[in-house]
C-alpha atoms as a PDB file:
ATOM      1  CA  UNK A   1      64.922 191.823  67.683  1.00  0.00           C
ATOM      2  CA  UNK A   2      61.609 190.096  68.237  1.00  0.00           C
ATOM      3  CA  UNK A   3      59.864 187.328  66.365  1.00  0.00           C
ATOM      4  CA  UNK A   4      56.193 186.849  66.982  1.00  0.00           C
ATOM      5  CA  UNK A   5      54.131 183.721  66.680  1.00  0.00           C
ATOM      6  CA  UNK A   6      50.538 183.029  67.693  1.00  0.00           C
ATOM      7  CA  UNK A   7      51.733 181.160  70.750  1.00  0.00           C
ATOM      8  CA  UNK A   8      54.210 183.621  72.246  1.00  0.00           C
ATOM      9  CA  UNK A   9      56.697 186.428  71.726  1.00  0.00           C
ATOM     10  CA  UNK A  10      60.331 185.349  71.802  1.00  0.00           C
ATOM     11  CA  UNK A  11      63.343 187.614  72.358  1.00  0.00           C
ATOM     12  CA  UNK A  12      66.318 186.591  70.197  1.00  0.00           C
ATOM     13  CA  UNK A  13      69.984 187.454  70.387  1.00  0.00           C
ATOM     14  CA  UNK A  14      72.948 185.817  68.680  1.00  0.00           C
ATOM     15  CA  UNK A  15      72.946 183.334  65.835  1.00  0.00           C
ATOM     16  CA  UNK A  16      71.951 180.288  67.924  1.00  0.00           C
ATOM     17  CA  UNK A  17      69.044 182.056  69.616  1.00  0.00           C
ATOM     18  CA  UNK A  18      67.946 183.638  66.368  1.00  0.00           C
ATOM     19  CA  UNK A  19      68.029 180.255  64.651  1.00  0.00           C
ATOM     20  CA  UNK A  20      65.809 178.853  67.394  1.00  0.00           C
ATOM     21  CA  UNK A  21      63.394 181.765  66.871  1.00  0.00           C
ATOM     22  CA  UNK A  22      63.333 181.099  63.125  1.00  0.00           C
ATOM     23  CA  UNK A  23      62.573 177.432  63.781  1.00  0.00           C
ATOM     24  CA  UNK A  24      59.842 178.211  66.344  1.00  0.00           C
ATOM     25  CA  UNK A  25      58.094 180.778  64.173  1.00  0.00           C
ATOM     26  CA  UNK A  26      58.537 178.908  60.874  1.00  0.00           C
ATOM     27  CA  UNK A  27      60.239 181.887  59.184  1.00  0.00           C
ATOM     28  CA  UNK A  28      62.658 180.403  56.699  1.00  0.00           C
ATOM     29  CA  UNK A  29      63.659 182.171  53.531  1.00  0.00           C
ATOM     30  CA  UNK A  30      65.069 179.940  50.823  1.00  0.00           C
ATOM     31  CA  UNK A  31      68.680 180.556  49.896  1.00  0.00           C
ATOM     32  CA  UNK A  32      69.039 182.584  46.726  1.00  0.00           C
ATOM     33  CA  UNK A  33      71.295 181.261  43.956  1.00  0.00           C
ATOM     34  CA  UNK A  34      74.411 183.187  45.019  1.00  0.00           C
ATOM     35  CA  UNK A  35      74.148 182.097  48.648  1.00  0.00           C
ATOM     36  CA  UNK A  36      73.311 178.507  47.712  1.00  0.00           C
ATOM     37  CA  UNK A  37      76.266 178.236  45.321  1.00  0.00           C
ATOM     38  CA  UNK A  38      78.669 179.640  47.880  1.00  0.00           C
ATOM     39  CA  UNK A  39      77.344 177.363  50.623  1.00  0.00           C
ATOM     40  CA  UNK A  40      77.631 174.392  48.269  1.00  0.00           C
ATOM     41  CA  UNK A  41      81.256 175.342  47.524  1.00  0.00           C
ATOM     42  CA  UNK A  42      82.038 175.409  51.253  1.00  0.00           C
ATOM     43  CA  UNK A  43      80.253 172.109  51.850  1.00  0.00           C
ATOM     44  CA  UNK A  44      82.251 170.438  49.035  1.00  0.00           C
ATOM     45  CA  UNK A  45      85.432 171.638  50.724  1.00  0.00           C
ATOM     46  CA  UNK A  46      84.310 170.259  54.086  1.00  0.00           C
ATOM     47  CA  UNK A  47      83.227 166.960  52.518  1.00  0.00           C
ATOM     48  CA  UNK A  48      85.897 166.330  49.856  1.00  0.00           C
ATOM     49  CA  UNK A  49      85.067 162.608  49.725  1.00  0.00           C
ATOM     50  CA  UNK A  50      81.482 163.524  48.760  1.00  0.00           C
ATOM     51  CA  UNK A  51      80.202 161.143  51.421  1.00  0.00           C
ATOM     52  CA  UNK A  52      77.143 163.236  52.271  1.00  0.00           C
ATOM     53  CA  UNK A  53      78.314 164.010  55.801  1.00  0.00           C
ATOM     54  CA  UNK A  54      81.081 165.912  57.553  1.00  0.00           C
ATOM     55  CA  UNK A  55      82.916 164.326  60.478  1.00  0.00           C
ATOM     56  CA  UNK A  56      82.569 166.466  63.611  1.00  0.00           C
ATOM     57  CA  UNK A  57      86.366 166.173  63.966  1.00  0.00           C
ATOM     58  CA  UNK A  58      86.765 168.046  60.673  1.00  0.00           C
ATOM     59  CA  UNK A  59      84.486 170.828  61.952  1.00  0.00           C
ATOM     60  CA  UNK A  60      86.661 171.046  65.068  1.00  0.00           C
ATOM     61  CA  UNK A  61      89.715 171.436  62.835  1.00  0.00           C
ATOM     62  CA  UNK A  62      88.322 173.945  60.339  1.00  0.00           C
ATOM     63  CA  UNK A  63      85.822 176.093  62.254  1.00  0.00           C
ATOM     64  CA  UNK A  64      87.467 179.508  62.628  1.00  0.00           C
ATOM     65  CA  UNK A  65      86.508 181.521  65.714  1.00  0.00           C
ATOM     66  CA  UNK A  66      89.141 184.246  65.287  1.00  0.00           C
ATOM     67  CA  UNK A  67      86.579 186.802  64.073  1.00  0.00           C
ATOM     68  CA  UNK A  68      83.869 185.860  66.577  1.00  0.00           C
ATOM     69  CA  UNK A  69      83.162 188.842  68.866  1.00  0.00           C
ATOM     70  CA  UNK A  70      82.722 186.721  71.985  1.00  0.00           C
ATOM     71  CA  UNK A  71      86.063 185.036  71.325  1.00  0.00           C
ATOM     72  CA  UNK A  72      87.898 188.290  70.557  1.00  0.00           C
ATOM     73  CA  UNK A  73      86.614 189.915  73.759  1.00  0.00           C
ATOM     74  CA  UNK A  74      87.531 186.851  75.812  1.00  0.00           C
ATOM     75  CA  UNK A  75      83.927 186.048  76.727  1.00  0.00           C
ATOM     76  CA  UNK A  76      84.053 182.517  75.299  1.00  0.00           C
ATOM     77  CA  UNK A  77      86.804 180.062  74.483  1.00  0.00           C
ATOM     78  CA  UNK A  78      87.254 178.449  71.073  1.00  0.00           C
ATOM     79  CA  UNK A  79      86.077 175.169  72.564  1.00  0.00           C
ATOM     80  CA  UNK A  80      82.853 176.739  73.862  1.00  0.00           C
ATOM     81  CA  UNK A  81      82.045 178.399  70.531  1.00  0.00           C
ATOM     82  CA  UNK A  82      82.721 175.304  68.414  1.00  0.00           C
ATOM     83  CA  UNK A  83      80.809 173.114  70.866  1.00  0.00           C
ATOM     84  CA  UNK A  84      77.830 175.486  70.647  1.00  0.00           C
ATOM     85  CA  UNK A  85      77.977 175.353  66.844  1.00  0.00           C
ATOM     86  CA  UNK A  86      78.141 171.541  66.785  1.00  0.00           C
ATOM     87  CA  UNK A  87      75.171 171.318  69.166  1.00  0.00           C
ATOM     88  CA  UNK A  88      73.074 172.760  66.356  1.00  0.00           C
ATOM     89  CA  UNK A  89      73.480 169.375  64.691  1.00  0.00           C
ATOM     90  CA  UNK A  90      74.228 166.971  67.527  1.00  0.00           C
ATOM     91  CA  UNK A  91      71.601 168.234  69.980  1.00  0.00           C
ATOM     92  CA  UNK A  92      70.746 164.740  71.168  1.00  0.00           C
ATOM     93  CA  UNK A  93      71.924 162.734  74.166  1.00  0.00           C
ATOM     94  CA  UNK A  94      75.654 161.980  73.960  1.00  0.00           C
ATOM     95  CA  UNK A  95      75.133 158.246  73.407  1.00  0.00           C
ATOM     96  CA  UNK A  96      72.900 158.981  70.378  1.00  0.00           C
ATOM     97  CA  UNK A  97      75.377 161.290  68.626  1.00  0.00           C
ATOM     98  CA  UNK A  98      76.834 159.837  65.459  1.00  0.00           C
ATOM     99  CA  UNK A  99      79.872 162.139  65.121  1.00  0.00           C
ATOM    100  CA  UNK A 100      78.816 163.354  61.677  1.00  0.00           C
ATOM    101  CA  UNK A 101      76.913 166.336  60.314  1.00  0.00           C
ATOM    102  CA  UNK A 102      74.748 165.272  57.382  1.00  0.00           C
ATOM    103  CA  UNK A 103      74.532 167.497  54.341  1.00  0.00           C
ATOM    104  CA  UNK A 104      70.827 168.085  55.016  1.00  0.00           C
ATOM    105  CA  UNK A 105      71.547 169.149  58.618  1.00  0.00           C
ATOM    106  CA  UNK A 106      74.261 171.537  57.434  1.00  0.00           C
ATOM    107  CA  UNK A 107      72.019 172.965  54.724  1.00  0.00           C
ATOM    108  CA  UNK A 108      69.040 173.354  57.105  1.00  0.00           C
ATOM    109  CA  UNK A 109      71.198 175.212  59.619  1.00  0.00           C
ATOM    110  CA  UNK A 110      72.259 177.787  57.029  1.00  0.00           C
ATOM    111  CA  UNK A 111      68.709 178.075  55.666  1.00  0.00           C
ATOM    112  CA  UNK A 112      67.605 178.931  59.208  1.00  0.00           C
ATOM    113  CA  UNK A 113      70.280 181.602  59.700  1.00  0.00           C
ATOM    114  CA  UNK A 114      69.869 182.868  56.120  1.00  0.00           C
ATOM    115  CA  UNK A 115      67.122 185.327  57.097  1.00  0.00           C
ATOM    116  CA  UNK A 116      69.403 186.966  59.689  1.00  0.00           C
ATOM    117  CA  UNK A 117      71.544 188.488  56.935  1.00  0.00           C
ATOM    118  CA  UNK A 118      69.864 191.230  54.905  1.00  0.00           C
ATOM    119  CA  UNK A 119      72.409 191.097  52.072  1.00  0.00           C
ATOM    120  CA  UNK A 120      74.335 188.424  50.231  1.00  0.00           C
ATOM    121  CA  UNK A 121      77.566 190.186  51.161  1.00  0.00           C
ATOM    122  CA  UNK A 122      76.870 189.850  54.904  1.00  0.00           C
ATOM    123  CA  UNK A 123      75.843 186.195  54.552  1.00  0.00           C
ATOM    124  CA  UNK A 124      78.988 185.403  52.552  1.00  0.00           C
ATOM    125  CA  UNK A 125      81.139 187.401  54.976  1.00  0.00           C
ATOM    126  CA  UNK A 126      79.695 185.312  57.832  1.00  0.00           C
ATOM    127  CA  UNK A 127      80.606 182.108  55.979  1.00  0.00           C
ATOM    128  CA  UNK A 128      84.068 183.457  55.136  1.00  0.00           C
ATOM    129  CA  UNK A 129      84.662 184.360  58.781  1.00  0.00           C
ATOM    130  CA  UNK A 130      83.479 180.948  59.931  1.00  0.00           C
ATOM    131  CA  UNK A 131      85.181 178.736  57.361  1.00  0.00           C
ATOM    132  CA  UNK A 132      87.942 180.983  55.995  1.00  0.00           C
ATOM    133  CA  UNK A 133      87.042 180.724  52.316  1.00  0.00           C
ATOM    134  CA  UNK A 134      86.748 183.532  49.775  1.00  0.00           C
ATOM    135  CA  UNK A 135      83.782 183.727  47.455  1.00  0.00           C
ATOM    136  CA  UNK A 136      85.928 183.243  44.367  1.00  0.00           C
ATOM    137  CA  UNK A 137      88.174 180.822  46.225  1.00  0.00           C
ATOM    138  CA  UNK A 138      91.121 183.013  45.275  1.00  0.00           C
ATOM    139  CA  UNK A 139      94.497 181.432  45.840  1.00  0.00           C
ATOM    140  CA  UNK A 140      96.750 183.208  48.308  1.00  0.00           C
ATOM    141  CA  UNK A 141     100.285 183.391  46.901  1.00  0.00           C
ATOM    142  CA  UNK A 142     102.947 181.437  48.741  1.00  0.00           C
ATOM    143  CA  UNK A 143     106.020 183.101  50.227  1.00  0.00           C
ATOM    144  CA  UNK A 144     108.102 181.744  47.336  1.00  0.00           C
ATOM    145  CA  UNK A 145     105.698 183.246  44.774  1.00  0.00           C
ATOM    146  CA  UNK A 146     105.829 186.616  46.553  1.00  0.00           C
ATOM    147  CA  UNK A 147     109.639 186.535  46.520  1.00  0.00           C
ATOM    148  CA  UNK A 148     109.598 185.786  42.776  1.00  0.00           C
ATOM    149  CA  UNK A 149     107.237 188.701  42.149  1.00  0.00           C
ATOM    150  CA  UNK A 150     109.458 191.050  44.175  1.00  0.00           C
ATOM    151  CA  UNK A 151     112.582 189.909  42.313  1.00  0.00           C
ATOM    152  CA  UNK A 152     110.885 190.390  38.945  1.00  0.00           C
ATOM    153  CA  UNK A 153     109.782 193.894  39.924  1.00  0.00           C
ATOM    154  CA  UNK A 154     113.247 194.694  41.249  1.00  0.00           C
ATOM    155  CA  UNK A 155     114.885 193.616  37.950  1.00  0.00           C
ATOM    156  CA  UNK A 156     112.407 195.666  35.931  1.00  0.00           C
ATOM    157  CA  UNK A 157     113.063 198.690  38.136  1.00  0.00           C
ATOM    158  CA  UNK A 158     116.827 198.299  37.762  1.00  0.00           C
ATOM    159  CA  UNK A 159     116.564 197.901  33.978  1.00  0.00           C
ATOM    160  CA  UNK A 160     114.366 200.974  33.683  1.00  0.00           C
ATOM    161  CA  UNK A 161     116.717 202.949  35.938  1.00  0.00           C
ATOM    162  CA  UNK A 162     119.747 201.886  33.899  1.00  0.00           C
ATOM    163  CA  UNK A 163     118.056 203.024  30.703  1.00  0.00           C
ATOM    164  CA  UNK A 164     117.238 206.361  32.296  1.00  0.00           C
ATOM    165  CA  UNK A 165     120.659 206.890  33.872  1.00  0.00           C
ATOM    166  CA  UNK A 166     122.548 205.964  30.701  1.00  0.00           C
ATOM    167  CA  UNK A 167     121.279 209.206  29.243  1.00  0.00           C
ATOM    168  CA  UNK A 168     122.672 211.327  32.116  1.00  0.00           C
ATOM    169  CA  UNK A 169     125.898 213.266  31.627  1.00  0.00           C
ATOM    170  CA  UNK A 170     128.962 211.559  33.133  1.00  0.00           C
ATOM    171  CA  UNK A 171     129.224 214.189  35.859  1.00  0.00           C
ATOM    172  CA  UNK A 172     126.531 212.305  37.821  1.00  0.00           C
ATOM    173  CA  UNK A 173     127.030 209.267  40.020  1.00  0.00           C
ATOM    174  CA  UNK A 174     124.178 206.751  40.058  1.00  0.00           C
ATOM    175  CA  UNK A 175     123.413 204.307  42.872  1.00  0.00           C
ATOM    176  CA  UNK A 176     120.657 201.765  42.532  1.00  0.00           C
ATOM    177  CA  UNK A 177     119.450 199.908  45.606  1.00  0.00           C
ATOM    178  CA  UNK A 178     116.434 197.945  46.752  1.00  0.00           C
ATOM    179  CA  UNK A 179     115.048 201.127  48.300  1.00  0.00           C
ATOM    180  CA  UNK A 180     115.361 203.276  45.214  1.00  0.00           C
ATOM    181  CA  UNK A 181     117.530 205.286  42.914  1.00  0.00           C
ATOM    182  CA  UNK A 182     120.009 207.923  43.991  1.00  0.00           C
ATOM    183  CA  UNK A 183     121.537 210.385  41.520  1.00  0.00           C
ATOM    184  CA  UNK A 184     124.273 212.708  42.824  1.00  0.00           C
ATOM    185  CA  UNK A 185     126.507 215.221  41.167  1.00  0.00           C
ATOM    186  CA  UNK A 186     130.182 214.085  41.259  1.00  0.00           C
END
């Protein structure tokens, strides 16, 4: 897509290029309440100490590239993608980098890319894909919890089957297994 300014026309592709176009043309939509709340939730997770900045090391640990098209197609490595993302904040000579992303820098970045997403769902999906968080921060059940659920369902199934089969005439043989219920004539 194209952004136009009085000075020049700029061709944009990809989030980084599009962000640059937004910055150059001064097109910045404010985040609506839903987007702002979700972004704030993610920032709180990235900065649990509430220090006002995120260590770049933490971004290296948590930034998820698994759903990035360039990564999936083997066009870029994880290192290249994360480095490109961090350069949005640390785009200064190496000796001037502080190793932290301030809350304002983080917020400004997402305000710049905000206009690239026509719906809240797409914006939130982008954040979910990048940081791996759900909008409602739903808890994923552990393996132990799943096993407990399966066992509870299995016991309920067996109890219901026993109630049903107790009413069958004695000429039938009943087998109950994990897979299901088998009723055969003797």
